[in-house]
Amino acid sequence: MDRQALHAALVEARIPGGYYRIEGVHEPVPTPPDFLFLRRATGGGWETGAYERGRDEILARHPDEPTACAHLLRLLV
């Protein structure tokens, strides 16, 4: 699963768009105060995490996009 397929799956599952941010695919405006995210990691790979109270908390680091997408999907569904 890539980021576009992940977004389609979340829309199909009726997960509100303000609950998550997927780098380059779904970046809600205005930025919600709290959300889960999927983004490229500095230095390679991918990260899933939570943004709360103005701070990022990395929940997991992943070697590739499909693994990261599957993790975010599990967190949200």
Protein backbone atom coordinates (compact mmCIF):
# COMPACT_ATOMS: atom_id res chain seq x y z
CA MET A 1 0.00 0.00 0.00
CA ASP A 2 1.30 3.47 -0.84
CA ARG A 3 0.23 6.82 0.60
CA GLN A 4 -2.50 7.40 -2.00
CA ALA A 5 -4.01 3.96 -1.36
CA LEU A 6 -3.82 4.59 2.39
CA HIS A 7 -5.69 7.86 2.02
CA ALA A 8 -8.35 6.19 -0.14
CA ALA A 9 -8.76 3.43 2.49
CA LEU A 10 -9.16 6.00 5.27
CA VAL A 11 -11.74 7.95 3.27
CA GLU A 12 -13.63 4.70 2.56
CA ALA A 13 -13.51 3.84 6.28
CA ARG A 14 -14.96 7.33 6.99
CA ILE A 15 -12.07 8.38 9.22
CA PRO A 16 -12.33 12.17 9.58
CA GLY A 17 -9.60 14.00 7.66
CA GLY A 18 -8.59 16.02 10.72
CA TYR A 19 -7.42 12.87 12.51
CA TYR A 20 -4.38 12.34 10.30
CA ARG A 21 -1.76 13.90 8.03
CA ILE A 22 -0.07 11.99 5.22
CA GLU A 23 2.93 13.83 3.81
CA GLY A 24 2.33 14.93 0.23
CA VAL A 25 -1.13 13.39 0.04
CA HIS A 26 -3.40 14.68 2.80
CA GLU A 27 -2.34 17.79 4.71
CA PRO A 28 -5.43 19.37 6.29
CA VAL A 29 -5.72 23.16 6.43
CA PRO A 30 -5.96 24.62 8.95
CA THR A 31 -3.69 22.23 10.80
CA PRO A 32 -5.66 20.40 13.51
CA PRO A 33 -4.39 20.70 17.11
CA ASP A 34 -3.85 16.92 17.42
CA PHE A 35 -3.43 14.24 14.74
CA LEU A 36 -1.52 11.12 13.71
CA PHE A 37 0.99 11.45 10.90
CA LEU A 38 3.01 9.61 8.29
CA ARG A 39 6.11 11.31 6.90
CA ARG A 40 9.54 10.72 5.44
CA ALA A 41 12.19 10.41 8.11
CA THR A 42 15.31 12.55 8.04
CA GLY A 43 18.07 10.32 6.77
CA GLY A 44 15.74 7.85 5.03
CA GLY A 45 12.82 5.61 5.82
CA TRP A 46 9.43 6.67 7.17
CA GLU A 47 7.93 7.69 10.51
CA THR A 48 4.50 7.37 12.02
CA GLY A 49 3.65 9.44 15.03
CA ALA A 50 1.34 11.75 16.88
CA TYR A 51 1.27 15.54 16.92
CA GLU A 52 -0.10 16.87 20.20
CA ARG A 53 0.14 20.25 21.87
CA GLY A 54 2.61 21.53 19.33
CA ARG A 55 5.00 18.58 19.62
CA ASP A 56 5.73 15.55 17.46
CA GLU A 57 6.06 12.15 19.10
CA ILE A 58 7.51 9.44 16.88
CA LEU A 59 5.66 6.19 17.51
CA ALA A 60 7.62 4.04 15.03
CA ARG A 61 10.25 4.22 12.31
CA HIS A 62 9.79 2.11 9.18
CA PRO A 63 12.16 1.00 6.42
CA ASP A 64 9.66 1.61 3.61
CA GLU A 65 6.43 3.36 2.66
CA PRO A 66 4.18 0.24 2.59
CA THR A 67 5.16 -0.73 6.15
CA ALA A 68 4.56 2.81 7.40
CA CYS A 69 1.19 3.01 5.62
CA ALA A 70 0.07 -0.28 7.16
CA HIS A 71 1.02 0.98 10.62
CA LEU A 72 -0.91 4.23 10.28
CA LEU A 73 -3.92 2.32 8.96
CA ARG A 74 -3.86 0.03 12.02
CA LEU A 75 -3.66 3.07 14.31
CA LEU A 76 -6.70 4.73 12.74
CA VAL A 77 -9.08 1.88 11.94
